[in-house]
């Protein structure tokens, strides 16, 4: 799929090096086609890494996708160069009158922080509410999934005593769902969080469907019955070394983290992890983009309601 991004976005060189078809703005404007407009609210401190991971997964269908990145105005990230944010990110005030085919709200490293204590919580709630009338389909990832379930349905998370970190087996519950086209009955995906939510809370809400679970990691994928919102607690977009980097980062901080489960061969951090979730990530993002955005969004994006 030709994924449409700004010409100088750092992710461009990485993606082109992987033989991913990246279409620059200059080339895109000369094609007579309406691309899907996808907005990514990137709440992660590692902005460029997250950009690259998500763009890679959105690049595996024949669709043309125009991607824009959104940052919060109420909190200025401390780990990203200000020039990068100024060049490649916008704020809500600048896009609030527009409509988008899809939106992705990423996770954030906010374990053990109450939602109401998050600096940008009020702004995030405003964006999520705006998305109900200005975005055809929204994908909430990890912390963003728990935030969405809490904001829209009042579903409280629970905090874990120890961080859940590793690659876990997950069971598909809705095998006929287009989201799982091409999936095996059991799929593997990384998890990296210290919060969870009881499955009983999900099933108690008529507007929600429990789509996938894990014996070890719990609730994994939830969607609304109208297929306008997806809540995903795992990270199928992670690179092969993402969990390793998180592990060594926590070691350096003196947090004494456990070795990520089912990740390093023989649980030896000196050995290179073997990826068993790459196809899951490609299928999940491609299926979401195709069946829940492209197939159902109005041709005239202004008609989204």
Protein backbone atom coordinates (compact mmCIF):
# COMPACT_ATOMS: atom_id res chain seq x y z
CA UNK A 1 0.00 0.00 0.00
CA UNK A 2 1.28 3.44 -0.75
CA UNK A 3 1.33 5.14 2.64
CA UNK A 4 1.30 8.91 2.31
CA UNK A 5 3.50 10.87 4.70
CA UNK A 6 5.44 14.12 4.75
CA UNK A 7 8.52 14.04 2.54
CA UNK A 8 11.06 14.55 5.34
CA UNK A 9 9.52 12.40 8.12
CA UNK A 10 12.38 10.35 9.67
CA UNK A 11 10.38 7.13 9.37
CA UNK A 12 10.50 7.44 5.58
CA UNK A 13 14.10 6.25 5.26
CA UNK A 14 13.53 3.29 7.57
CA UNK A 15 10.41 2.16 5.74
CA UNK A 16 11.94 2.57 2.29
CA UNK A 17 14.90 0.51 3.48
CA UNK A 18 12.41 -2.29 4.20
CA UNK A 19 11.01 -2.05 0.65
CA UNK A 20 7.77 -0.50 1.92
CA UNK A 21 6.08 1.72 -0.64
CA UNK A 22 6.12 5.21 0.84
CA UNK A 23 4.39 7.91 -1.16
CA UNK A 24 5.48 11.47 -0.51
CA UNK A 25 3.04 14.37 -0.55
CA UNK A 26 4.45 15.60 -3.87
CA UNK A 27 3.63 12.35 -5.65
CA UNK A 28 0.29 11.83 -3.89
CA UNK A 29 -1.21 15.13 -4.99
CA UNK A 30 -0.76 14.07 -8.62
CA UNK A 31 -2.94 10.97 -8.20
CA UNK A 32 -6.66 11.21 -8.85
CA UNK A 33 -7.78 9.23 -5.81
CA UNK A 34 -9.19 9.98 -2.37
CA UNK A 35 -6.86 8.55 0.25
CA UNK A 36 -8.07 7.39 3.62
CA UNK A 37 -7.37 10.10 6.18
CA UNK A 38 -5.93 8.61 9.38
CA UNK A 39 -5.04 10.67 12.43
CA UNK A 40 -2.57 9.27 14.98
CA UNK A 41 -2.60 10.76 18.47
CA UNK A 42 0.89 9.75 19.57
CA UNK A 43 1.17 9.81 23.36
CA UNK A 44 4.38 7.79 23.54
CA UNK A 45 7.64 9.53 24.59
CA UNK A 46 9.53 7.63 21.88
CA UNK A 47 7.72 9.47 19.11
CA UNK A 48 9.83 8.46 16.11
CA UNK A 49 9.93 4.77 17.11
CA UNK A 50 6.15 4.67 17.51
CA UNK A 51 5.62 6.53 14.24
CA UNK A 52 7.72 3.99 12.38
CA UNK A 53 6.06 0.98 14.00
CA UNK A 54 2.54 2.15 13.19
CA UNK A 55 3.34 3.31 9.66
CA UNK A 56 4.92 -0.05 8.95
CA UNK A 57 1.71 -1.85 9.91
CA UNK A 58 -0.52 0.54 7.95
CA UNK A 59 1.50 -0.12 4.81
CA UNK A 60 0.31 -3.59 3.81
CA UNK A 61 -2.87 -3.10 1.76
CA UNK A 62 -3.50 -1.64 -1.72
CA UNK A 63 -5.12 1.42 -0.14
CA UNK A 64 -3.62 4.88 -0.16
CA UNK A 65 -3.55 6.32 3.34
CA UNK A 66 -2.78 9.91 4.29
CA UNK A 67 -1.42 9.96 7.85
CA UNK A 68 -1.28 12.96 10.17
CA UNK A 69 0.22 13.03 13.65
CA UNK A 70 -1.44 14.75 16.58
CA UNK A 71 0.12 15.83 19.86
CA UNK A 72 -1.43 17.23 23.00
CA UNK A 73 -1.30 20.97 23.58
CA UNK A 74 -1.74 20.69 27.35
CA UNK A 75 1.47 18.67 27.74
CA UNK A 76 4.66 19.19 25.74
CA UNK A 77 6.69 15.96 25.37
CA UNK A 78 10.12 16.11 27.02
CA UNK A 79 11.83 13.33 25.06
CA UNK A 80 11.26 14.52 21.48
CA UNK A 81 13.08 17.30 19.69
CA UNK A 82 10.86 20.37 19.43
CA UNK A 83 11.77 20.77 15.75
CA UNK A 84 10.39 17.30 15.03
CA UNK A 85 7.12 18.13 16.77
CA UNK A 86 6.86 21.48 15.00
CA UNK A 87 7.55 19.90 11.60
CA UNK A 88 5.40 16.79 11.75
CA UNK A 89 2.72 17.24 14.42
CA UNK A 90 -0.44 19.26 14.71
CA UNK A 91 -2.71 20.09 17.64
CA UNK A 92 -6.40 19.57 18.20
CA UNK A 93 -7.37 23.20 17.67
CA UNK A 94 -6.01 23.00 14.12
CA UNK A 95 -7.95 19.88 13.07
CA UNK A 96 -11.11 19.96 15.20
CA UNK A 97 -13.28 21.16 12.31
CA UNK A 98 -12.14 18.34 10.01
CA UNK A 99 -13.28 14.71 9.74
CA UNK A 100 -11.16 11.57 9.47
CA UNK A 101 -11.75 8.03 8.27
CA UNK A 102 -9.69 6.54 11.08
CA UNK A 103 -7.85 7.50 14.24
CA UNK A 104 -5.29 5.69 16.38
CA UNK A 105 -4.77 6.67 20.02
CA UNK A 106 -1.53 5.18 21.28
CA UNK A 107 -0.56 3.99 24.70
CA UNK A 108 1.45 6.01 27.21
CA UNK A 109 3.86 5.02 30.04
CA UNK A 110 1.42 5.95 32.79
CA UNK A 111 1.13 2.79 34.86
CA UNK A 112 -0.20 3.41 38.40
CA UNK A 113 -1.26 6.99 37.53
CA UNK A 114 -4.96 7.74 37.98
CA UNK A 115 -6.56 8.87 34.74
CA UNK A 116 -7.76 12.11 36.31
CA UNK A 117 -4.19 12.86 37.45
CA UNK A 118 -2.79 12.71 33.92
CA UNK A 119 -1.75 16.21 32.82
CA UNK A 120 -3.58 16.01 29.50
CA UNK A 121 -6.58 13.93 30.64
CA UNK A 122 -9.15 16.66 30.01
CA UNK A 123 -7.76 17.29 26.53
CA UNK A 124 -7.71 13.57 25.76
CA UNK A 125 -11.36 13.25 26.81
CA UNK A 126 -12.22 16.16 24.52
CA UNK A 127 -10.45 14.44 21.61
CA UNK A 128 -12.14 11.09 22.31
CA UNK A 129 -15.58 12.75 22.46
CA UNK A 130 -14.83 14.68 19.27
CA UNK A 131 -13.89 11.41 17.58
CA UNK A 132 -17.40 10.02 18.06
CA UNK A 133 -18.72 12.50 15.49
CA UNK A 134 -15.62 13.32 13.46
CA UNK A 135 -13.92 9.92 13.04
CA UNK A 136 -15.44 6.87 11.37
CA UNK A 137 -13.43 4.28 13.34
CA UNK A 138 -10.95 4.63 16.21
CA UNK A 139 -8.27 2.21 17.39
CA UNK A 140 -7.31 2.61 21.06
CA UNK A 141 -3.99 0.98 21.97
CA UNK A 142 -2.76 -0.29 25.37
CA UNK A 143 -3.07 2.59 27.89
CA UNK A 144 -5.23 4.34 25.31
CA UNK A 145 -7.58 1.33 25.37
CA UNK A 146 -8.00 1.44 29.15
CA UNK A 147 -8.46 5.21 28.97
CA UNK A 148 -11.18 4.84 26.34
CA UNK A 149 -13.05 2.10 28.23
CA UNK A 150 -12.95 4.23 31.38
CA UNK A 151 -14.02 7.46 29.70
CA UNK A 152 -16.83 6.04 27.56
CA UNK A 153 -18.16 3.32 29.85
CA UNK A 154 -16.83 4.07 33.33
CA UNK A 155 -14.99 0.73 33.43
CA UNK A 156 -12.29 0.80 36.09
CA UNK A 157 -8.96 -0.87 35.44
CA UNK A 158 -7.01 -2.73 38.09
CA UNK A 159 -3.32 -2.21 38.79
CA UNK A 160 -0.97 -5.19 38.81
CA UNK A 161 1.63 -5.78 41.49
CA UNK A 162 4.21 -6.49 38.79
CA UNK A 163 4.44 -5.32 35.23
CA UNK A 164 3.15 -7.71 32.57
CA UNK A 165 5.96 -7.98 30.03
CA UNK A 166 6.53 -10.60 27.38
CA UNK A 167 4.99 -12.40 24.43
CA UNK A 168 1.77 -14.23 25.27
CA UNK A 169 -0.66 -16.60 23.58
CA UNK A 170 -4.10 -15.12 22.90
CA UNK A 171 -7.32 -16.89 21.98
CA UNK A 172 -9.66 -15.59 19.28
CA UNK A 173 -13.25 -15.57 20.59
CA UNK A 174 -15.02 -14.15 17.53
CA UNK A 175 -13.56 -16.34 14.78
CA UNK A 176 -15.98 -15.05 12.14
CA UNK A 177 -15.03 -11.42 12.69
CA UNK A 178 -13.36 -9.72 9.70
CA UNK A 179 -10.79 -8.41 12.18
CA UNK A 180 -9.40 -11.94 12.44
CA UNK A 181 -9.34 -12.85 8.74
CA UNK A 182 -6.21 -14.96 8.25
CA UNK A 183 -5.59 -15.34 12.01
CA UNK A 184 -4.83 -18.67 13.66
CA UNK A 185 -7.12 -19.64 16.54
CA UNK A 186 -4.24 -18.84 18.88
CA UNK A 187 -2.06 -15.83 18.10
CA UNK A 188 0.97 -14.35 19.84
CA UNK A 189 1.59 -10.72 20.68
CA UNK A 190 3.74 -8.66 23.06
CA UNK A 191 2.25 -7.16 26.21
CA UNK A 192 3.83 -4.36 28.23
CA UNK A 193 1.65 -2.91 30.97
CA UNK A 194 0.88 -2.95 34.68
CA UNK A 195 -2.90 -2.65 34.41
CA UNK A 196 -5.76 -4.87 33.33
CA UNK A 197 -9.54 -5.06 33.27
CA UNK A 198 -11.91 -7.83 34.28
CA UNK A 199 -13.61 -9.63 31.40
CA UNK A 200 -16.85 -9.58 33.38
CA UNK A 201 -16.85 -5.79 33.23
CA UNK A 202 -16.59 -5.90 29.46
CA UNK A 203 -19.39 -8.44 29.03
CA UNK A 204 -21.63 -6.44 31.37
CA UNK A 205 -21.82 -3.60 28.82
CA UNK A 206 -24.26 -4.40 25.96
CA UNK A 207 -22.41 -2.08 23.57
CA UNK A 208 -19.12 -3.99 23.94
CA UNK A 209 -17.90 -7.28 22.49
CA UNK A 210 -15.02 -9.30 23.94
CA UNK A 211 -12.99 -10.41 20.92
CA UNK A 212 -9.79 -11.99 22.24
CA UNK A 213 -8.35 -13.00 25.61
CA UNK A 214 -5.24 -14.58 27.08
CA UNK A 215 -4.98 -17.01 30.00
CA UNK A 216 -1.94 -15.09 31.25
CA UNK A 217 -2.53 -11.57 29.97
CA UNK A 218 -6.32 -11.33 30.32
CA UNK A 219 -8.54 -9.12 28.14
CA UNK A 220 -6.78 -8.37 24.87
CA UNK A 221 -9.19 -7.07 22.20
CA UNK A 222 -12.59 -5.43 22.69
CA UNK A 223 -14.76 -3.60 20.19
CA UNK A 224 -18.07 -1.77 20.18
CA UNK A 225 -21.01 -3.55 18.58
CA UNK A 226 -21.22 -0.83 15.94
CA UNK A 227 -17.52 -1.42 15.10
CA UNK A 228 -16.67 2.27 15.52
CA UNK A 229 -14.18 1.72 18.39
CA UNK A 230 -11.57 -0.97 19.02
CA UNK A 231 -9.68 -1.37 22.31
CA UNK A 232 -6.45 -3.38 22.07
CA UNK A 233 -4.24 -4.04 25.10
CA UNK A 234 -1.40 -5.85 23.31
CA UNK A 235 1.33 -4.50 21.01
CA UNK A 236 1.43 -6.45 17.73
CA UNK A 237 3.17 -3.45 16.16
CA UNK A 238 6.27 -3.84 18.39
CA UNK A 239 9.68 -4.31 16.80
CA UNK A 240 11.72 -7.40 17.64
CA UNK A 241 13.83 -5.48 20.17
CA UNK A 242 11.20 -3.25 21.79
CA UNK A 243 10.68 -5.42 24.88
CA UNK A 244 14.45 -5.83 25.21
CA UNK A 245 14.96 -2.06 25.19
CA UNK A 246 12.25 -1.63 27.82
CA UNK A 247 13.84 -4.36 29.95
CA UNK A 248 17.33 -2.81 29.84
CA UNK A 249 15.88 0.66 30.41
CA UNK A 250 14.18 -0.54 33.60
CA UNK A 251 17.37 -2.30 34.69
CA UNK A 252 19.29 0.95 34.35
CA UNK A 253 16.64 2.68 36.45
CA UNK A 254 17.19 0.12 39.21
CA UNK A 255 13.63 -1.21 38.95
CA UNK A 256 14.77 -4.86 39.03
CA UNK A 257 12.40 -5.94 36.23
CA UNK A 258 11.62 -9.56 35.48
CA UNK A 259 12.89 -10.98 32.23
CA UNK A 260 10.06 -10.65 29.66
CA UNK A 261 8.11 -13.92 29.42
CA UNK A 262 8.45 -16.13 26.33
CA UNK A 263 10.73 -13.60 24.68
CA UNK A 264 14.46 -14.28 24.99
CA UNK A 265 15.39 -17.86 23.98
CA UNK A 266 16.00 -19.84 27.20
CA UNK A 267 15.18 -16.62 29.09
CA UNK A 268 18.70 -15.48 28.30
CA UNK A 269 18.84 -11.70 27.64
CA UNK A 270 22.06 -12.23 25.72
CA UNK A 271 20.19 -14.17 23.03
CA UNK A 272 18.30 -12.53 20.18
CA UNK A 273 14.49 -12.79 20.46
CA UNK A 274 12.66 -14.74 17.75
CA UNK A 275 9.65 -12.83 16.43
CA UNK A 276 6.39 -14.84 16.35
CA UNK A 277 3.93 -11.93 16.21
CA UNK A 278 4.87 -10.06 13.00
CA UNK A 279 2.14 -11.65 10.85
CA UNK A 280 -0.42 -11.01 13.58
CA UNK A 281 0.44 -7.32 13.55
CA UNK A 282 0.24 -7.03 9.79
CA UNK A 283 -3.11 -8.83 9.65
CA UNK A 284 -4.68 -6.91 12.51
CA UNK A 285 -3.86 -3.45 11.17
CA UNK A 286 -4.61 -4.39 7.56
CA UNK A 287 -7.95 -5.95 8.49
CA UNK A 288 -8.92 -2.98 10.64
CA UNK A 289 -8.02 -0.55 7.89
CA UNK A 290 -9.75 -2.54 5.13
CA UNK A 291 -12.91 -3.90 6.74
CA UNK A 292 -13.67 -1.26 9.37
CA UNK A 293 -12.39 1.91 7.74
CA UNK A 294 -12.20 1.61 3.94
CA UNK A 295 -15.21 -0.68 3.42
CA UNK A 296 -17.62 1.35 5.53
CA UNK A 297 -16.46 4.97 5.65
CA UNK A 298 -18.44 7.46 3.48
CA UNK A 299 -16.78 8.37 0.21
CA UNK A 300 -17.25 12.01 1.15
CA UNK A 301 -15.39 12.23 4.45
CA UNK A 302 -17.54 15.22 5.42
CA UNK A 303 -20.51 12.85 5.76
CA UNK A 304 -19.00 11.05 8.75
CA UNK A 305 -21.26 11.46 11.76
